[in-house]
Amino acid sequence: MLRALTSTALVVVLSGALTGCGDDDEPTTGSDDPGIADTAAVTEDFCVALTGVAEAYGAASADDLTEEDVVAIKAAVTQLVEVGVPEDTSDEAQEGFVLVTSEVLELPDDATIEELEAAGEDFSGADEEKADAFDDYVDQTCDDASGEDE
């Protein structure tokens, strides 16, 4: 995900604080794939959660990344996974979402900035296409979250 997150999504997922993204009932996954909610995530909630990830990355210091920074980033990514992807997300982009978020969540809490930035760099072939599809979906859907206008 960091590949996608370090691109627009990371700058998205990667630039206010993460506010409540819905009611107290957190969506659950209906499959073994994290991030694919039983009920479709509302696009606005998805983009707000994605902005929360961007803010967590933005708050982290590249020069002095702390365990607290990594934990905050992983917490924001966990929130994004709990929100899930909107119903209009293609299967390929959904799979890319799972790949990208899993890469970040699997990092140790004491990960270095290099490890954080390298997450997802080893995607190749079909996995790279899926991560790119997710990145493209984010670009098209959450342009405000990236701080860029289309």
N, C-alpha and C. Protein backbone atom coordinates (compact mmCIF):
# COMPACT_ATOMS: atom_id res chain seq x y z
N MET A 1 0.83 -1.18 0.00
CA MET A 1 0.00 0.00 0.00
C MET A 1 0.86 1.22 0.00
N LEU A 2 2.00 1.10 0.60
CA LEU A 2 2.84 2.26 0.66
C LEU A 2 3.21 2.72 -0.71
N ARG A 3 3.38 1.78 -1.64
CA ARG A 3 3.67 2.18 -2.98
C ARG A 3 2.52 3.04 -3.47
N ALA A 4 1.33 2.53 -3.27
CA ALA A 4 0.15 3.30 -3.63
C ALA A 4 -0.02 4.44 -2.65
N LEU A 5 0.33 4.21 -1.42
CA LEU A 5 0.18 5.25 -0.43
C LEU A 5 1.24 6.31 -0.57
N THR A 6 2.42 5.93 -0.99
CA THR A 6 3.45 6.93 -1.15
C THR A 6 3.21 7.72 -2.40
N SER A 7 2.48 7.15 -3.32
CA SER A 7 2.09 7.93 -4.48
C SER A 7 0.96 8.82 -4.02
N THR A 8 0.02 9.07 -4.86
CA THR A 8 -1.09 9.93 -4.48
C THR A 8 -1.80 9.39 -3.27
N ALA A 9 -2.00 8.10 -3.21
CA ALA A 9 -2.71 7.53 -2.08
C ALA A 9 -1.93 7.74 -0.79
N LEU A 10 -0.61 7.59 -0.80
CA LEU A 10 0.16 7.79 0.42
C LEU A 10 0.22 9.26 0.74
N VAL A 11 0.38 10.06 -0.26
CA VAL A 11 0.32 11.48 -0.03
C VAL A 11 -1.11 11.76 0.37
N VAL A 12 -1.99 10.91 -0.19
CA VAL A 12 -3.36 10.88 0.27
C VAL A 12 -3.32 10.06 1.51
N VAL A 13 -2.92 8.73 1.15
CA VAL A 13 -2.74 7.82 2.25
C VAL A 13 -1.39 8.16 2.63
N LEU A 14 -2.05 9.72 2.11
CA LEU A 14 -0.79 10.29 2.12
C LEU A 14 -0.95 11.54 1.39
N SER A 15 -3.21 14.05 2.76
CA SER A 15 -2.63 15.17 3.41
C SER A 15 -3.74 15.88 4.03
N GLY A 16 -7.91 17.72 8.43
CA GLY A 16 -8.18 17.59 9.79
C GLY A 16 -8.09 16.23 10.43
N ALA A 17 -8.06 16.11 11.37
CA ALA A 17 -7.98 14.87 12.13
C ALA A 17 -9.07 13.93 11.67
N LEU A 18 -8.81 12.65 11.85
CA LEU A 18 -9.80 11.66 11.44
C LEU A 18 -11.01 11.80 12.34
N THR A 19 -12.11 12.17 11.72
CA THR A 19 -13.33 12.33 12.50
C THR A 19 -14.14 11.05 12.41
N GLY A 20 -15.18 10.96 13.19
CA GLY A 20 -16.02 9.78 13.16
C GLY A 20 -16.50 9.50 11.76
N CYS A 21 -16.26 8.31 11.31
CA CYS A 21 -16.63 7.93 9.95
C CYS A 21 -17.84 7.02 9.98
N GLY A 22 -18.93 7.52 10.46
CA GLY A 22 -20.13 6.70 10.49
C GLY A 22 -20.59 6.50 11.92
N ASP A 23 -21.46 5.50 12.10
CA ASP A 23 -22.00 5.25 13.43
C ASP A 23 -21.10 4.33 14.23
N ASP A 24 -21.58 3.92 15.39
CA ASP A 24 -20.78 3.08 16.26
C ASP A 24 -20.63 1.65 15.76
N ASP A 25 -21.45 1.26 14.81
CA ASP A 25 -21.35 -0.09 14.26
C ASP A 25 -20.29 -0.11 13.17
N GLU A 26 -19.18 -0.77 13.46
CA GLU A 26 -18.12 -0.84 12.47
C GLU A 26 -18.48 -1.89 11.44
N PRO A 27 -18.19 -1.60 10.14
CA PRO A 27 -18.47 -2.59 9.14
C PRO A 27 -17.62 -3.83 9.36
N THR A 28 -18.16 -4.96 9.02
CA THR A 28 -17.39 -6.19 9.14
C THR A 28 -17.13 -6.72 7.75
N THR A 29 -16.11 -7.52 7.62
CA THR A 29 -15.82 -8.08 6.32
C THR A 29 -16.61 -9.36 6.14
N GLY A 30 -17.10 -9.54 4.96
CA GLY A 30 -17.89 -10.72 4.67
C GLY A 30 -17.06 -11.81 4.04
N SER A 31 -15.79 -11.53 3.82
CA SER A 31 -14.91 -12.53 3.23
C SER A 31 -13.62 -12.55 4.03
N ASP A 32 -12.68 -13.35 3.55
CA ASP A 32 -11.38 -13.41 4.22
C ASP A 32 -10.52 -12.20 3.86
N ASP A 33 -10.96 -11.40 2.90
CA ASP A 33 -10.20 -10.24 2.48
C ASP A 33 -10.54 -9.04 3.34
N PRO A 34 -9.54 -8.46 4.03
CA PRO A 34 -9.83 -7.27 4.83
C PRO A 34 -10.20 -6.11 3.91
N GLY A 35 -11.04 -5.24 4.39
CA GLY A 35 -11.34 -4.03 3.65
C GLY A 35 -12.51 -4.11 2.72
N ILE A 36 -13.07 -5.29 2.52
CA ILE A 36 -14.23 -5.40 1.65
C ILE A 36 -15.43 -5.57 2.57
N ALA A 37 -16.12 -4.48 2.81
CA ALA A 37 -17.19 -4.46 3.80
C ALA A 37 -18.42 -5.19 3.29
N ASP A 38 -19.19 -5.78 4.25
CA ASP A 38 -20.45 -6.41 3.89
C ASP A 38 -21.37 -5.42 3.21
N THR A 39 -21.45 -4.25 3.75
CA THR A 39 -22.22 -3.20 3.11
C THR A 39 -21.23 -2.21 2.55
N ALA A 40 -21.57 -1.66 1.41
CA ALA A 40 -20.63 -0.77 0.73
C ALA A 40 -20.31 0.44 1.60
N ALA A 41 -19.05 0.76 1.64
CA ALA A 41 -18.62 1.96 2.36
C ALA A 41 -19.11 3.18 1.59
N VAL A 42 -19.50 4.16 2.30
CA VAL A 42 -19.89 5.41 1.66
C VAL A 42 -18.60 6.08 1.19
N THR A 43 -18.63 6.56 -0.03
CA THR A 43 -17.43 7.15 -0.61
C THR A 43 -16.85 8.24 0.27
N GLU A 44 -17.69 9.08 0.82
CA GLU A 44 -17.19 10.17 1.67
C GLU A 44 -16.45 9.61 2.89
N ASP A 45 -16.99 8.57 3.51
CA ASP A 45 -16.32 7.96 4.66
C ASP A 45 -14.97 7.39 4.26
N PHE A 46 -14.92 6.75 3.10
CA PHE A 46 -13.68 6.19 2.58
C PHE A 46 -12.64 7.30 2.41
N CYS A 47 -13.04 8.38 1.77
CA CYS A 47 -12.11 9.48 1.52
C CYS A 47 -11.66 10.16 2.82
N VAL A 48 -12.57 10.28 3.79
CA VAL A 48 -12.21 10.85 5.09
C VAL A 48 -11.18 9.95 5.77
N ALA A 49 -11.42 8.64 5.74
CA ALA A 49 -10.47 7.71 6.35
C ALA A 49 -9.13 7.75 5.63
N LEU A 50 -9.16 7.88 4.32
CA LEU A 50 -7.94 7.98 3.54
C LEU A 50 -7.18 9.25 3.90
N THR A 51 -7.90 10.33 4.11
CA THR A 51 -7.29 11.58 4.55
C THR A 51 -6.64 11.39 5.92
N GLY A 52 -7.28 10.61 6.78
CA GLY A 52 -6.70 10.32 8.08
C GLY A 52 -5.36 9.61 7.97
N VAL A 53 -5.25 8.73 7.00
CA VAL A 53 -3.97 8.05 6.76
C VAL A 53 -2.93 9.06 6.29
N ALA A 54 -3.35 9.92 5.36
CA ALA A 54 -2.43 10.94 4.86
C ALA A 54 -1.94 11.83 5.99
N GLU A 55 -2.85 12.19 6.87
CA GLU A 55 -2.47 13.05 8.00
C GLU A 55 -1.51 12.34 8.95
N ALA A 56 -1.72 11.05 9.16
CA ALA A 56 -0.81 10.29 10.02
C ALA A 56 0.58 10.23 9.40
N TYR A 57 0.64 10.03 8.08
CA TYR A 57 1.94 10.06 7.41
C TYR A 57 2.56 11.45 7.49
N GLY A 58 1.73 12.47 7.29
CA GLY A 58 2.23 13.84 7.32
C GLY A 58 2.75 14.26 8.69
N ALA A 59 2.17 13.70 9.74
CA ALA A 59 2.59 14.04 11.10
C ALA A 59 3.89 13.33 11.50
N ALA A 60 4.22 12.27 10.78
CA ALA A 60 5.44 11.52 11.09
C ALA A 60 6.65 12.26 10.56
N SER A 61 7.72 12.23 11.31
CA SER A 61 8.96 12.89 10.90
C SER A 61 9.84 11.89 10.17
N ALA A 62 10.16 12.19 8.94
CA ALA A 62 11.04 11.31 8.17
C ALA A 62 12.43 11.25 8.79
N ASP A 63 12.84 12.32 9.44
CA ASP A 63 14.17 12.37 10.03
C ASP A 63 14.24 11.62 11.35
N ASP A 64 13.10 11.51 12.04
CA ASP A 64 13.11 10.90 13.35
C ASP A 64 11.80 10.13 13.57
N LEU A 65 11.58 9.12 12.73
CA LEU A 65 10.36 8.32 12.83
C LEU A 65 10.36 7.57 14.15
N THR A 66 9.28 7.72 14.89
CA THR A 66 9.19 7.04 16.17
C THR A 66 8.20 5.89 16.08
N GLU A 67 8.27 5.02 17.09
CA GLU A 67 7.31 3.93 17.16
C GLU A 67 5.89 4.48 17.27
N GLU A 68 5.74 5.59 17.96
CA GLU A 68 4.43 6.24 18.08
C GLU A 68 3.92 6.66 16.71
N ASP A 69 4.82 7.16 15.84
CA ASP A 69 4.42 7.54 14.48
C ASP A 69 3.91 6.33 13.71
N VAL A 70 4.65 5.23 13.78
CA VAL A 70 4.27 4.02 13.06
C VAL A 70 2.94 3.48 13.58
N VAL A 71 2.78 3.48 14.88
CA VAL A 71 1.52 3.01 15.48
C VAL A 71 0.36 3.88 15.01
N ALA A 72 0.57 5.19 14.93
CA ALA A 72 -0.48 6.11 14.47
C ALA A 72 -0.82 5.86 13.01
N ILE A 73 0.18 5.61 12.19
CA ILE A 73 -0.05 5.31 10.78
C ILE A 73 -0.83 4.01 10.64
N LYS A 74 -0.40 2.99 11.38
CA LYS A 74 -1.10 1.70 11.32
C LYS A 74 -2.54 1.82 11.85
N ALA A 75 -2.76 2.66 12.85
CA ALA A 75 -4.11 2.87 13.37
C ALA A 75 -4.99 3.54 12.31
N ALA A 76 -4.43 4.50 11.60
CA ALA A 76 -5.19 5.17 10.54
C ALA A 76 -5.50 4.20 9.40
N VAL A 77 -4.54 3.35 9.06
CA VAL A 77 -4.78 2.34 8.02
C VAL A 77 -5.82 1.34 8.49
N THR A 78 -5.78 0.97 9.76
CA THR A 78 -6.79 0.07 10.32
C THR A 78 -8.18 0.70 10.21
N GLN A 79 -8.29 1.99 10.50
CA GLN A 79 -9.57 2.69 10.35
C GLN A 79 -10.03 2.64 8.90
N LEU A 80 -9.11 2.84 7.97
CA LEU A 80 -9.45 2.78 6.56
C LEU A 80 -9.97 1.39 6.19
N VAL A 81 -9.31 0.35 6.69
CA VAL A 81 -9.75 -1.03 6.43
C VAL A 81 -11.14 -1.25 7.02
N GLU A 82 -11.39 -0.71 8.20
CA GLU A 82 -12.70 -0.88 8.84
C GLU A 82 -13.80 -0.19 8.04
N VAL A 83 -13.49 0.95 7.43
CA VAL A 83 -14.46 1.65 6.59
C VAL A 83 -14.69 0.84 5.32
N GLY A 84 -13.61 0.31 4.75
CA GLY A 84 -13.73 -0.49 3.53
C GLY A 84 -13.78 0.38 2.30
N VAL A 85 -13.92 -0.28 1.17
CA VAL A 85 -13.96 0.43 -0.10
C VAL A 85 -15.40 0.60 -0.56
N PRO A 86 -15.67 1.68 -1.26
CA PRO A 86 -17.02 1.90 -1.78
C PRO A 86 -17.44 0.82 -2.79
N GLU A 87 -18.74 0.69 -2.94
CA GLU A 87 -19.31 -0.34 -3.81
C GLU A 87 -18.83 -0.23 -5.25
N ASP A 88 -18.55 0.97 -5.72
CA ASP A 88 -18.17 1.15 -7.12
C ASP A 88 -16.70 0.83 -7.40
N THR A 89 -15.97 0.36 -6.41
CA THR A 89 -14.56 0.00 -6.59
C THR A 89 -14.47 -1.29 -7.40
N SER A 90 -13.64 -1.28 -8.43
CA SER A 90 -13.48 -2.49 -9.25
C SER A 90 -12.86 -3.61 -8.42
N ASP A 91 -13.05 -4.83 -8.87
CA ASP A 91 -12.45 -5.98 -8.17
C ASP A 91 -10.93 -5.83 -8.10
N GLU A 92 -10.34 -5.38 -9.19
CA GLU A 92 -8.89 -5.22 -9.22
C GLU A 92 -8.42 -4.17 -8.21
N ALA A 93 -9.15 -3.05 -8.13
CA ALA A 93 -8.79 -2.00 -7.17
C ALA A 93 -9.02 -2.48 -5.73
N GLN A 94 -10.09 -3.27 -5.50
CA GLN A 94 -10.32 -3.84 -4.16
C GLN A 94 -9.16 -4.73 -3.76
N GLU A 95 -8.70 -5.55 -4.68
CA GLU A 95 -7.56 -6.43 -4.38
C GLU A 95 -6.31 -5.61 -4.13
N GLY A 96 -6.14 -4.51 -4.86
CA GLY A 96 -5.00 -3.63 -4.63
C GLY A 96 -5.07 -2.97 -3.26
N PHE A 97 -6.29 -2.61 -2.85
CA PHE A 97 -6.51 -2.04 -1.51
C PHE A 97 -6.05 -3.02 -0.44
N VAL A 98 -6.43 -4.28 -0.60
CA VAL A 98 -6.04 -5.31 0.37
C VAL A 98 -4.52 -5.47 0.39
N LEU A 99 -3.91 -5.52 -0.78
CA LEU A 99 -2.45 -5.66 -0.87
C LEU A 99 -1.73 -4.50 -0.18
N VAL A 100 -2.15 -3.29 -0.51
CA VAL A 100 -1.48 -2.11 -0.01
C VAL A 100 -1.66 -1.96 1.50
N THR A 101 -2.88 -2.11 1.98
CA THR A 101 -3.10 -1.95 3.42
C THR A 101 -2.40 -3.05 4.20
N SER A 102 -2.40 -4.26 3.66
CA SER A 102 -1.72 -5.37 4.34
C SER A 102 -0.24 -5.11 4.49
N GLU A 103 0.38 -4.52 3.47
CA GLU A 103 1.81 -4.22 3.53
C GLU A 103 2.12 -3.31 4.71
N VAL A 104 1.30 -2.32 4.93
CA VAL A 104 1.54 -1.38 6.03
C VAL A 104 1.25 -2.05 7.37
N LEU A 105 0.13 -2.74 7.45
CA LEU A 105 -0.27 -3.33 8.73
C LEU A 105 0.66 -4.45 9.19
N GLU A 106 1.38 -5.06 8.27
CA GLU A 106 2.31 -6.13 8.63
C GLU A 106 3.65 -5.61 9.12
N LEU A 107 3.90 -4.32 8.99
CA LEU A 107 5.16 -3.75 9.47
C LEU A 107 5.21 -3.80 11.00
N PRO A 108 6.41 -3.99 11.55
CA PRO A 108 6.52 -3.93 13.01
C PRO A 108 6.33 -2.49 13.48
N ASP A 109 5.91 -2.33 14.72
CA ASP A 109 5.68 -1.00 15.25
C ASP A 109 6.96 -0.16 15.31
N ASP A 110 8.10 -0.82 15.32
CA ASP A 110 9.37 -0.09 15.35
C ASP A 110 10.02 0.00 13.97
N ALA A 111 9.19 -0.04 12.93
CA ALA A 111 9.69 0.03 11.56
C ALA A 111 10.44 1.34 11.34
N THR A 112 11.41 1.30 10.45
CA THR A 112 12.16 2.50 10.08
C THR A 112 11.44 3.20 8.94
N ILE A 113 11.85 4.43 8.68
CA ILE A 113 11.26 5.17 7.56
C ILE A 113 11.54 4.44 6.25
N GLU A 114 12.70 3.81 6.16
CA GLU A 114 13.05 3.07 4.95
C GLU A 114 12.10 1.88 4.76
N GLU A 115 11.81 1.18 5.85
CA GLU A 115 10.88 0.05 5.77
C GLU A 115 9.47 0.53 5.41
N LEU A 116 9.08 1.65 5.98
CA LEU A 116 7.76 2.20 5.71
C LEU A 116 7.64 2.60 4.24
N GLU A 117 8.67 3.26 3.72
CA GLU A 117 8.66 3.69 2.33
C GLU A 117 8.79 2.52 1.37
N ALA A 118 9.43 1.43 1.80
CA ALA A 118 9.65 0.28 0.92
C ALA A 118 8.44 -0.65 0.85
N ALA A 119 7.49 -0.48 1.75
CA ALA A 119 6.32 -1.36 1.75
C ALA A 119 5.64 -1.28 0.39
N GLY A 120 5.48 -2.40 -0.24
CA GLY A 120 4.81 -2.45 -1.53
C GLY A 120 5.72 -2.30 -2.73
N GLU A 121 6.98 -1.97 -2.51
CA GLU A 121 7.89 -1.82 -3.63
C GLU A 121 8.17 -3.13 -4.35
N ASP A 122 7.94 -4.23 -3.66
CA ASP A 122 8.24 -5.52 -4.27
C ASP A 122 7.05 -6.09 -5.05
N PHE A 123 5.97 -5.31 -5.20
CA PHE A 123 4.86 -5.77 -6.02
C PHE A 123 5.35 -5.90 -7.46
N SER A 124 4.90 -6.93 -8.11
CA SER A 124 5.23 -7.09 -9.52
C SER A 124 4.06 -7.76 -10.21
N GLY A 125 4.07 -7.70 -11.51
CA GLY A 125 3.06 -8.37 -12.29
C GLY A 125 1.65 -7.97 -11.92
N ALA A 126 0.82 -8.97 -11.66
CA ALA A 126 -0.60 -8.75 -11.37
C ALA A 126 -0.78 -7.93 -10.10
N ASP A 127 0.06 -8.16 -9.07
CA ASP A 127 -0.08 -7.39 -7.83
C ASP A 127 0.20 -5.91 -8.06
N GLU A 128 1.18 -5.62 -8.89
CA GLU A 128 1.48 -4.22 -9.21
C GLU A 128 0.31 -3.58 -9.94
N GLU A 129 -0.31 -4.31 -10.84
CA GLU A 129 -1.47 -3.80 -11.57
C GLU A 129 -2.63 -3.54 -10.61
N LYS A 130 -2.81 -4.41 -9.64
CA LYS A 130 -3.88 -4.23 -8.65
C LYS A 130 -3.61 -3.00 -7.78
N ALA A 131 -2.37 -2.83 -7.33
CA ALA A 131 -2.02 -1.66 -6.53
C ALA A 131 -2.20 -0.39 -7.35
N ASP A 132 -1.83 -0.44 -8.63
CA ASP A 132 -2.02 0.71 -9.52
C ASP A 132 -3.50 1.02 -9.71
N ALA A 133 -4.32 -0.04 -9.82
CA ALA A 133 -5.77 0.15 -9.98
C ALA A 133 -6.34 0.84 -8.75
N PHE A 134 -5.88 0.44 -7.56
CA PHE A 134 -6.33 1.09 -6.34
C PHE A 134 -5.89 2.56 -6.32
N ASP A 135 -4.65 2.81 -6.68
CA ASP A 135 -4.12 4.17 -6.73
C ASP A 135 -4.95 5.02 -7.70
N ASP A 136 -5.25 4.47 -8.86
CA ASP A 136 -6.07 5.19 -9.85
C ASP A 136 -7.46 5.48 -9.30
N TYR A 137 -8.04 4.50 -8.61
CA TYR A 137 -9.36 4.68 -8.02
C TYR A 137 -9.33 5.83 -7.00
N VAL A 138 -8.31 5.86 -6.17
CA VAL A 138 -8.16 6.92 -5.18
C VAL A 138 -8.05 8.27 -5.88
N ASP A 139 -7.22 8.33 -6.93
CA ASP A 139 -7.05 9.58 -7.68
C ASP A 139 -8.37 10.09 -8.23
N GLN A 140 -9.19 9.19 -8.74
CA GLN A 140 -10.47 9.56 -9.36
C GLN A 140 -11.55 9.86 -8.34
N THR A 141 -11.47 9.23 -7.17
CA THR A 141 -12.56 9.29 -6.20
C THR A 141 -12.33 10.30 -5.09
N CYS A 142 -11.11 10.44 -4.65
CA CYS A 142 -10.82 11.25 -3.46
C CYS A 142 -9.82 12.35 -3.77
N ASP A 143 -10.04 13.10 -4.81
CA ASP A 143 -9.08 14.14 -5.17
C ASP A 143 -8.89 15.16 -4.07
N ASP A 144 -9.93 15.44 -3.28
CA ASP A 144 -9.79 16.38 -2.18
C ASP A 144 -8.87 15.85 -1.10
N ALA A 145 -8.86 14.52 -0.91
CA ALA A 145 -8.03 13.92 0.12
C ALA A 145 -6.56 14.07 -0.17
N SER A 146 -6.21 14.13 -1.45
CA SER A 146 -4.80 14.24 -1.80
C SER A 146 -4.33 15.69 -1.76
N GLY A 147 -5.28 16.61 -1.62
CA GLY A 147 -4.91 18.01 -1.63
C GLY A 147 -4.71 18.53 -3.04
N GLU A 148 -5.03 17.71 -4.03
CA GLU A 148 -4.85 18.10 -5.42
C GLU A 148 -6.20 18.22 -6.08
N ASP A 149 -6.25 19.04 -7.10
CA ASP A 149 -7.45 19.13 -7.91
C ASP A 149 -7.21 18.36 -9.18
N GLU A 150 -8.26 17.71 -9.66
CA GLU A 150 -8.10 16.97 -10.91
C GLU A 150 -8.17 17.92 -12.07
